[in-house]
Protein backbone atom coordinates (compact mmCIF):
# COMPACT_ATOMS: atom_id res chain seq x y z
CA MET A 1 0.00 0.00 0.00
CA LYS A 2 1.40 3.35 -1.07
CA THR A 3 1.53 6.05 1.62
CA TRP A 4 2.64 9.70 1.67
CA ASP A 5 4.30 11.49 4.55
CA LEU A 6 2.61 14.89 4.62
CA LYS A 7 3.94 17.72 6.72
CA ARG A 8 1.17 19.84 8.18
CA THR A 9 1.92 23.39 9.23
CA THR A 10 0.77 27.01 8.87
CA TYR A 11 2.23 29.92 6.92
CA SER A 12 1.16 33.54 6.90
CA ILE A 13 0.36 35.51 3.78
CA SER A 14 3.47 37.58 4.41
CA ASP A 15 5.52 34.33 4.17
CA PHE A 16 4.11 33.64 0.71
CA LEU A 17 4.75 37.25 -0.32
CA SER A 18 8.36 37.00 0.84
CA TRP A 19 8.91 33.77 -1.14
CA GLN A 20 7.31 35.30 -4.20
CA ARG A 21 9.65 38.31 -4.00
CA GLN A 22 12.63 35.94 -3.74
CA GLY A 23 11.49 33.91 -6.74
CA ALA A 24 11.14 30.87 -4.50
CA LEU A 25 7.43 30.30 -5.10
CA VAL A 26 6.09 28.33 -8.08
CA LEU A 27 2.46 29.34 -8.45
CA SER A 28 1.53 27.52 -11.65
CA PRO A 29 2.98 24.02 -11.98
CA SER A 30 3.14 22.71 -15.55
CA PHE A 31 0.63 19.94 -14.85
CA GLN A 32 -2.03 22.27 -13.47
CA ARG A 33 -4.32 24.32 -15.69
CA ARG A 34 -4.75 27.86 -14.46
CA SER A 35 -8.35 28.83 -13.86
CA VAL A 36 -9.22 32.51 -13.80
CA TRP A 37 -11.36 33.77 -10.96
CA ARG A 38 -13.83 36.56 -11.54
CA LYS A 39 -13.42 39.79 -9.60
CA GLY A 40 -16.31 38.87 -7.30
CA ALA A 41 -14.58 35.67 -6.20
CA LYS A 42 -11.38 37.60 -5.50
CA SER A 43 -13.19 40.23 -3.44
CA TYR A 44 -14.98 37.48 -1.51
CA LEU A 45 -11.64 35.91 -0.58
CA ILE A 46 -10.24 39.22 0.70
CA ASP A 47 -13.34 39.84 2.80
CA THR A 48 -13.18 36.28 4.17
CA ILE A 49 -9.59 36.86 5.27
CA LEU A 50 -10.34 40.28 6.77
CA ARG A 51 -13.07 38.66 8.85
CA GLY A 52 -10.67 35.94 10.01
CA LEU A 53 -12.80 33.13 8.60
CA PRO A 54 -11.27 29.81 7.47
CA VAL A 55 -10.34 29.10 3.86
CA PRO A 56 -9.35 25.77 2.25
CA VAL A 57 -5.95 24.22 2.90
CA ILE A 58 -3.02 25.13 0.65
CA ILE A 59 -1.12 22.11 -0.69
CA MET A 60 2.56 22.61 -1.55
CA ARG A 61 5.33 20.35 -2.78
CA ASP A 62 8.92 20.82 -1.76
CA GLN A 63 11.38 21.26 -4.62
CA ASN A 64 15.15 21.08 -4.75
CA THR A 65 17.07 24.13 -3.54
CA ASP A 66 17.80 26.70 -6.28
CA LEU A 67 21.55 26.49 -6.96
CA ASP A 68 21.78 30.19 -7.92
CA THR A 69 19.90 31.70 -4.96
CA PHE A 70 20.40 28.80 -2.50
CA GLU A 71 16.72 29.17 -1.67
CA PRO A 72 14.41 26.15 -1.46
CA LYS A 73 11.63 26.20 -4.06
CA ARG A 74 8.03 25.84 -2.95
CA GLU A 75 5.57 24.67 -5.56
CA ILE A 76 1.84 25.34 -5.08
CA VAL A 77 -0.03 22.16 -5.94
CA ASP A 78 -3.47 23.40 -4.85
CA GLY A 79 -4.29 27.00 -3.96
CA GLN A 80 -2.48 28.90 -6.70
CA GLN A 81 -5.53 31.04 -7.54
CA ARG A 82 -6.03 32.00 -3.90
CA LEU A 83 -2.39 33.02 -3.58
CA ARG A 84 -2.29 34.82 -6.93
CA THR A 85 -5.38 36.78 -5.87
CA LEU A 86 -3.75 37.83 -2.60
CA LEU A 87 -0.39 38.71 -4.13
CA SER A 88 -2.08 40.70 -6.90
CA PHE A 89 -4.11 42.61 -4.32
CA ILE A 90 -1.23 43.31 -1.94
CA GLU A 91 1.67 43.86 -4.33
CA PRO A 92 0.85 43.63 -8.05
CA SER A 93 4.52 44.07 -8.97
CA SER A 94 5.28 40.71 -7.34
CA ILE A 95 3.36 38.93 -10.13
CA LYS A 96 5.59 38.78 -13.22
CA ASP A 97 2.72 38.30 -15.67
CA PHE A 98 0.30 40.65 -13.88
CA ASN A 99 -2.48 41.70 -16.26
CA THR A 100 -4.51 44.70 -15.11
CA SER A 101 -7.67 43.66 -16.94
CA ILE A 102 -7.59 40.21 -15.34
CA ASP A 103 -5.72 40.56 -12.05
CA ALA A 104 -6.63 44.04 -10.77
CA PHE A 105 -9.67 44.31 -8.49
CA THR A 106 -11.05 46.10 -5.45
CA ILE A 107 -13.25 44.99 -2.56
CA SER A 108 -16.90 44.74 -3.62
CA ARG A 109 -19.71 46.55 -1.83
CA ALA A 110 -21.65 43.27 -1.85
CA HIS A 111 -19.05 41.78 0.51
CA ASN A 112 -18.04 44.72 2.65
CA LYS A 113 -19.86 48.06 2.48
CA GLU A 114 -17.30 49.80 4.71
CA LEU A 115 -14.39 48.89 2.43
CA ALA A 116 -16.21 49.05 -0.92
CA ASN A 117 -13.97 49.86 -3.91
CA LYS A 118 -10.80 49.98 -1.83
CA THR A 119 -7.43 48.63 -2.87
CA PHE A 120 -4.87 47.24 -0.43
CA SER A 121 -3.02 50.58 -0.29
CA GLU A 122 -6.25 52.33 0.72
CA LEU A 123 -6.85 50.09 3.75
CA ASN A 124 -5.79 51.30 7.17
CA ALA A 125 -2.72 49.89 8.90
CA SER A 126 -4.74 47.49 11.07
CA GLN A 127 -6.56 46.04 8.09
CA LYS A 128 -3.35 45.61 6.10
CA GLN A 129 -1.71 43.87 9.05
CA ARG A 130 -4.71 41.58 9.44
CA ILE A 131 -4.31 40.40 5.86
CA LEU A 132 -0.54 39.97 6.03
CA ASP A 133 -0.72 38.06 9.34
CA TYR A 134 -3.51 35.71 8.23
CA GLU A 135 -2.31 32.10 8.40
CA PHE A 136 -3.17 29.36 5.94
CA SER A 137 -3.19 25.73 6.94
CA VAL A 138 -0.64 24.12 4.63
CA HIS A 139 0.01 20.50 3.69
CA ILE A 140 3.47 19.88 2.25
CA LEU A 141 4.26 16.96 -0.03
CA PRO A 142 7.89 15.78 -0.14
CA SER A 143 9.82 16.44 -3.34
CA LYS A 144 9.89 12.71 -4.16
CA VAL A 145 6.13 12.81 -4.91
CA GLY A 146 5.88 12.99 -8.71
CA ASP A 147 3.38 14.72 -10.99
CA ARG A 148 1.45 11.50 -11.65
CA GLU A 149 1.04 10.95 -7.92
CA VAL A 150 -0.07 14.56 -7.46
CA LEU A 151 -2.77 14.03 -10.07
CA GLU A 152 -3.86 10.92 -8.18
CA ILE A 153 -4.15 13.04 -5.03
CA PHE A 154 -6.30 15.55 -6.94
CA ALA A 155 -8.56 12.73 -8.11
CA ARG A 156 -9.06 11.58 -4.54
CA MET A 157 -9.75 15.13 -3.32
CA ASN A 158 -12.46 15.59 -5.95
CA ALA A 159 -14.03 12.14 -5.60
CA THR A 160 -16.90 13.22 -3.36
CA GLY A 161 -19.28 10.73 -4.97
CA GLU A 162 -22.05 13.34 -5.02
CA LYS A 163 -22.80 15.61 -7.94
CA LEU A 164 -23.17 19.30 -7.12
CA ASN A 165 -26.75 20.52 -7.31
CA ASP A 166 -27.79 23.73 -9.11
CA GLN A 167 -27.48 25.96 -6.05
CA GLU A 168 -24.07 24.56 -5.10
CA LEU A 169 -22.91 25.34 -8.64
CA ARG A 170 -24.25 28.91 -8.30
CA ASN A 171 -22.40 29.26 -5.03
CA ALA A 172 -19.15 28.43 -6.81
CA GLU A 173 -19.83 30.72 -9.77
CA TYR A 174 -21.42 33.89 -8.37
CA PHE A 175 -20.10 36.24 -5.70
CA GLY A 176 -22.04 39.44 -6.32
CA GLU A 177 -24.94 41.45 -4.96
CA PHE A 178 -27.86 39.05 -5.50
CA LYS A 179 -26.00 35.95 -4.30
CA SER A 180 -24.68 37.71 -1.19
CA LEU A 181 -28.13 39.02 -0.24
CA MET A 182 -29.87 35.68 -0.75
CA PHE A 183 -27.32 33.80 1.35
CA LYS A 184 -27.66 36.40 4.09
CA LEU A 185 -31.47 36.24 4.12
CA ALA A 186 -31.54 32.43 3.96
CA SER A 187 -29.16 32.08 6.91
CA GLU A 188 -31.23 34.51 8.99
CA GLN A 189 -34.18 32.10 8.74
CA LEU A 190 -32.22 29.00 9.80
CA ASP A 191 -34.21 28.39 13.00
CA ARG A 192 -37.48 28.82 11.14
CA TRP A 193 -36.50 26.41 8.35
CA ARG A 194 -35.87 23.84 11.07
CA ASP A 195 -38.88 24.62 13.29
CA TRP A 196 -41.28 24.65 10.33
CA ARG A 197 -39.68 21.45 8.94
CA ILE A 198 -39.42 22.98 5.48
CA PHE A 199 -35.91 21.56 5.07
CA THR A 200 -33.96 18.66 6.55
CA GLU A 201 -30.42 19.18 7.80
CA ASN A 202 -29.15 17.54 4.62
CA ASN A 203 -31.26 19.94 2.52
CA ILE A 204 -29.70 22.86 4.37
CA SER A 205 -26.18 21.47 3.95
CA ARG A 206 -26.91 21.29 0.19
CA MET A 207 -28.09 24.96 0.12
CA GLN A 208 -31.69 24.20 -0.85
CA GLU A 209 -32.96 26.89 1.53
CA VAL A 210 -30.78 29.41 -0.33
CA GLU A 211 -32.37 28.38 -3.63
CA LEU A 212 -35.89 28.87 -2.23
CA THR A 213 -34.90 32.24 -0.77
CA SER A 214 -33.53 33.16 -4.20
CA GLU A 215 -36.97 32.40 -5.61
CA PHE A 216 -38.46 34.81 -3.10
CA GLY A 217 -35.97 37.41 -4.33
CA ILE A 218 -37.18 36.76 -7.89
CA LEU A 219 -40.76 37.03 -6.62
CA CYS A 220 -40.00 40.56 -5.40
CA ILE A 221 -38.28 41.58 -8.65
CA ARG A 222 -40.41 39.89 -11.31
CA GLY A 223 -43.37 38.25 -9.63
CA ILE A 224 -44.26 34.55 -9.78
CA SER A 225 -42.05 32.58 -12.15
CA ASP A 226 -41.15 29.01 -13.04
CA LYS A 227 -38.59 27.20 -10.94
CA LYS A 228 -36.06 26.62 -13.68
CA LYS A 229 -32.31 26.55 -13.47
CA ALA A 230 -32.05 29.03 -16.33
CA THR A 231 -34.52 31.43 -14.70
CA ILE A 232 -32.66 31.54 -11.39
CA ASN A 233 -29.24 31.68 -13.04
CA LYS A 234 -30.31 34.66 -15.16
CA ILE A 235 -31.27 36.66 -12.06
CA TYR A 236 -27.94 35.80 -10.43
CA THR A 237 -26.20 37.00 -13.61
CA ASP A 238 -28.31 40.13 -14.16
CA TYR A 239 -27.89 41.32 -10.59
CA ASP A 240 -24.38 40.12 -9.88
CA GLU A 241 -22.75 43.53 -10.25
CA ASP A 242 -25.54 45.76 -9.01
CA LEU A 243 -28.86 45.34 -7.20
CA GLU A 244 -30.26 48.83 -6.71
CA SER A 245 -33.34 47.63 -4.82
CA ALA A 246 -31.39 45.40 -2.41
CA ASP A 247 -32.51 47.28 0.71
CA GLU A 248 -36.19 47.16 -0.25
CA ILE A 249 -36.03 43.48 -1.27
CA GLN A 250 -34.34 42.68 2.02
CA LYS A 251 -36.95 44.59 4.00
CA ARG A 252 -39.88 42.95 2.19
CA ILE A 253 -38.58 39.38 2.48
CA ARG A 254 -37.77 39.83 6.15
CA ASN A 255 -41.17 41.33 6.87
CA THR A 256 -43.01 38.58 4.99
CA PHE A 257 -41.18 35.97 7.07
CA GLU A 258 -42.04 37.89 10.24
CA VAL A 259 -45.73 37.97 9.33
CA ILE A 260 -45.75 34.25 8.55
CA ASP A 261 -44.02 33.57 11.86
CA GLU A 262 -46.40 35.75 13.87
CA ASN A 263 -49.53 34.19 12.38
CA PHE A 264 -48.69 30.58 11.52
CA SER A 265 -45.43 29.62 13.22
CA VAL A 266 -46.76 26.83 15.45
CA LEU A 267 -49.02 25.54 12.67
CA ILE A 268 -46.70 25.15 9.69
CA SER A 269 -44.76 22.04 10.74
CA LYS A 270 -48.00 20.01 10.95
CA SER A 271 -49.58 21.50 7.84
CA VAL A 272 -49.36 20.82 4.11
CA PHE A 273 -47.35 24.04 3.85
CA LYS A 274 -44.20 22.45 5.19
CA LYS A 275 -43.91 21.09 1.66
CA LYS A 276 -41.54 23.41 -0.22
CA THR A 277 -43.78 23.78 -3.27
CA LEU A 278 -46.74 24.88 -1.13
CA PHE A 279 -44.64 27.04 1.15
CA TYR A 280 -43.60 29.01 -1.94
CA SER A 281 -47.27 29.82 -2.63
CA LEU A 282 -47.93 30.60 1.03
CA PHE A 283 -45.05 33.11 0.97
CA ALA A 284 -46.29 34.52 -2.36
CA SER A 285 -49.84 34.95 -1.03
CA ILE A 286 -48.69 36.81 2.08
CA TYR A 287 -46.38 38.96 -0.05
CA GLU A 288 -49.33 39.76 -2.33
CA LEU A 289 -51.47 40.81 0.64
CA LEU A 290 -48.67 42.96 2.07
CA TYR A 291 -47.11 44.57 -1.00
CA GLY A 292 -48.76 43.30 -4.19
CA LEU A 293 -47.01 40.95 -6.59
CA GLY A 294 -45.29 42.90 -9.33
CA SER A 295 -45.33 46.15 -7.37
CA GLU A 296 -42.51 48.65 -7.84
CA LEU A 297 -39.57 48.14 -5.50
CA ASN A 298 -39.67 51.60 -3.98
CA SER A 299 -40.05 52.13 -0.26
CA LYS A 300 -43.57 51.02 0.54
CA LYS A 301 -45.42 50.54 3.79
CA PRO A 302 -47.03 47.08 3.93
CA LYS A 303 -50.80 46.85 3.86
CA LYS A 304 -52.82 45.61 6.79
CA LEU A 305 -53.62 41.90 6.70
CA PRO A 306 -57.18 40.52 6.91
CA LYS A 307 -58.37 39.41 10.33
CA ALA A 308 -58.14 35.91 11.86
CA MET A 309 -55.27 34.80 9.62
CA ASN A 310 -54.28 31.87 11.83
CA HIS A 311 -57.85 30.55 11.96
CA LYS A 312 -58.15 30.84 8.16
CA PHE A 313 -54.81 29.05 7.81
CA GLU A 314 -56.16 26.06 9.77
CA ILE A 315 -59.28 25.95 7.58
CA ILE A 316 -57.20 26.12 4.38
CA ASP A 317 -54.87 23.38 5.63
CA LYS A 318 -57.86 21.14 6.41
CA LYS A 319 -59.30 21.74 2.93
CA PHE A 320 -56.03 20.68 1.32
CA LYS A 321 -55.75 17.56 3.48
CA GLU A 322 -59.32 16.52 2.73
CA ASP A 323 -59.20 17.43 -0.98
CA GLU A 324 -61.89 20.06 -0.53
CA VAL A 325 -60.08 22.67 -2.60
CA PRO A 326 -61.00 23.28 -6.29
CA GLN A 327 -59.79 20.63 -8.73
CA ASN A 328 -57.40 23.03 -10.48
CA VAL A 329 -55.77 23.73 -7.11
CA ILE A 330 -55.43 20.00 -6.41
CA ASP A 331 -53.90 19.48 -9.85
CA SER A 332 -51.54 22.43 -9.39
CA SER A 333 -50.36 21.17 -6.01
CA THR A 334 -49.68 17.63 -7.25
CA LYS A 335 -48.63 18.06 -10.91
CA ALA A 336 -46.13 20.46 -12.47
CA THR A 337 -45.91 22.12 -9.07
CA ASN A 338 -42.93 24.31 -9.99
CA ASN A 339 -44.28 25.98 -13.11
CA ALA A 340 -45.57 29.55 -12.98
CA SER A 341 -49.13 28.67 -13.91
CA SER A 342 -49.52 26.15 -11.07
CA ARG A 343 -47.96 28.55 -8.61
CA ARG A 344 -50.34 31.35 -9.62
CA ILE A 345 -53.39 29.10 -9.26
CA ILE A 346 -52.44 28.07 -5.71
CA THR A 347 -51.38 31.60 -4.73
CA ASN A 348 -54.62 33.14 -6.04
CA PHE A 349 -56.63 30.54 -4.14
CA LEU A 350 -54.78 31.31 -0.91
CA VAL A 351 -55.16 35.07 -1.32
CA LYS A 352 -58.93 34.66 -1.82
CA GLU A 353 -59.26 32.34 1.19
CA PHE A 354 -57.30 34.67 3.46
CA SER A 355 -59.25 37.71 2.22
CA ASP A 356 -62.78 36.28 2.59
CA ASP A 357 -64.65 37.35 5.72
């Protein structure tokens, strides 16, 4: 059985910068294709480091000492894009093939409003020091480990056995305004997702609650829509750089959750509305009563809800369980549940039921 003796240690960002200045750091091994991060991903990394949050391990491989400089070479096996991002941000001149159009970036407002549009030189001394002192966990392979063995290690690292779902892929691709807001709003509701039994722990670990929250964001912007990968991806793309109505969307989604909690919190987990497809329509119906679906996203005071909402909720739930709702509502809640037409039928039914005296 083949084994590898890995050395596990930590190095600060200033260590990597020093090695790069000395020419002792090999960022792009010949066997590794260089991927190019978008500016949002780079900004996200800087903000993560400023907040002192963990980032993935850096994997290095020792190389023979350089006979001209007498310095040991350190080859980056995994983590070259993270390090290139940091070195480009801190000291662009340290990157020999630095390309302004690709490598230059500033901190995004979506990640840190206080430091929006700032470069490293524009940070204060404390912030600069925080970045330079940040320590990566590093695994070091001995120089005797060859390229073929490194590729085998990569294969093992990526052999999770589980294909990424649509939202996990979005998480890896987008880092802008819409994504940041939806993750923030979804995480705020964590206790409710659990208490209402909308999502299992595995669902939450796979970011399904973020996808549903994203659909609520789309609901605010464009009204009821199909649940399609292309539909959600387009919103992430369209509002990656700028989301002018972010504050109003945030306020409306939060308030709709608050209203649902105040009126139905103890009822949801035992109702048909713990089913994600029906919870979408419940959220949409309450949003319609408060703000109006398709309404302009300017600052707007929510309307007053009809009386006895919790009692009406119990009646509606009973009707669903006993198939006493109209046939088109039954069909919409059991067939093609994620298309816009079905969602509108259920939402319109709920709005009428809640509004009737």
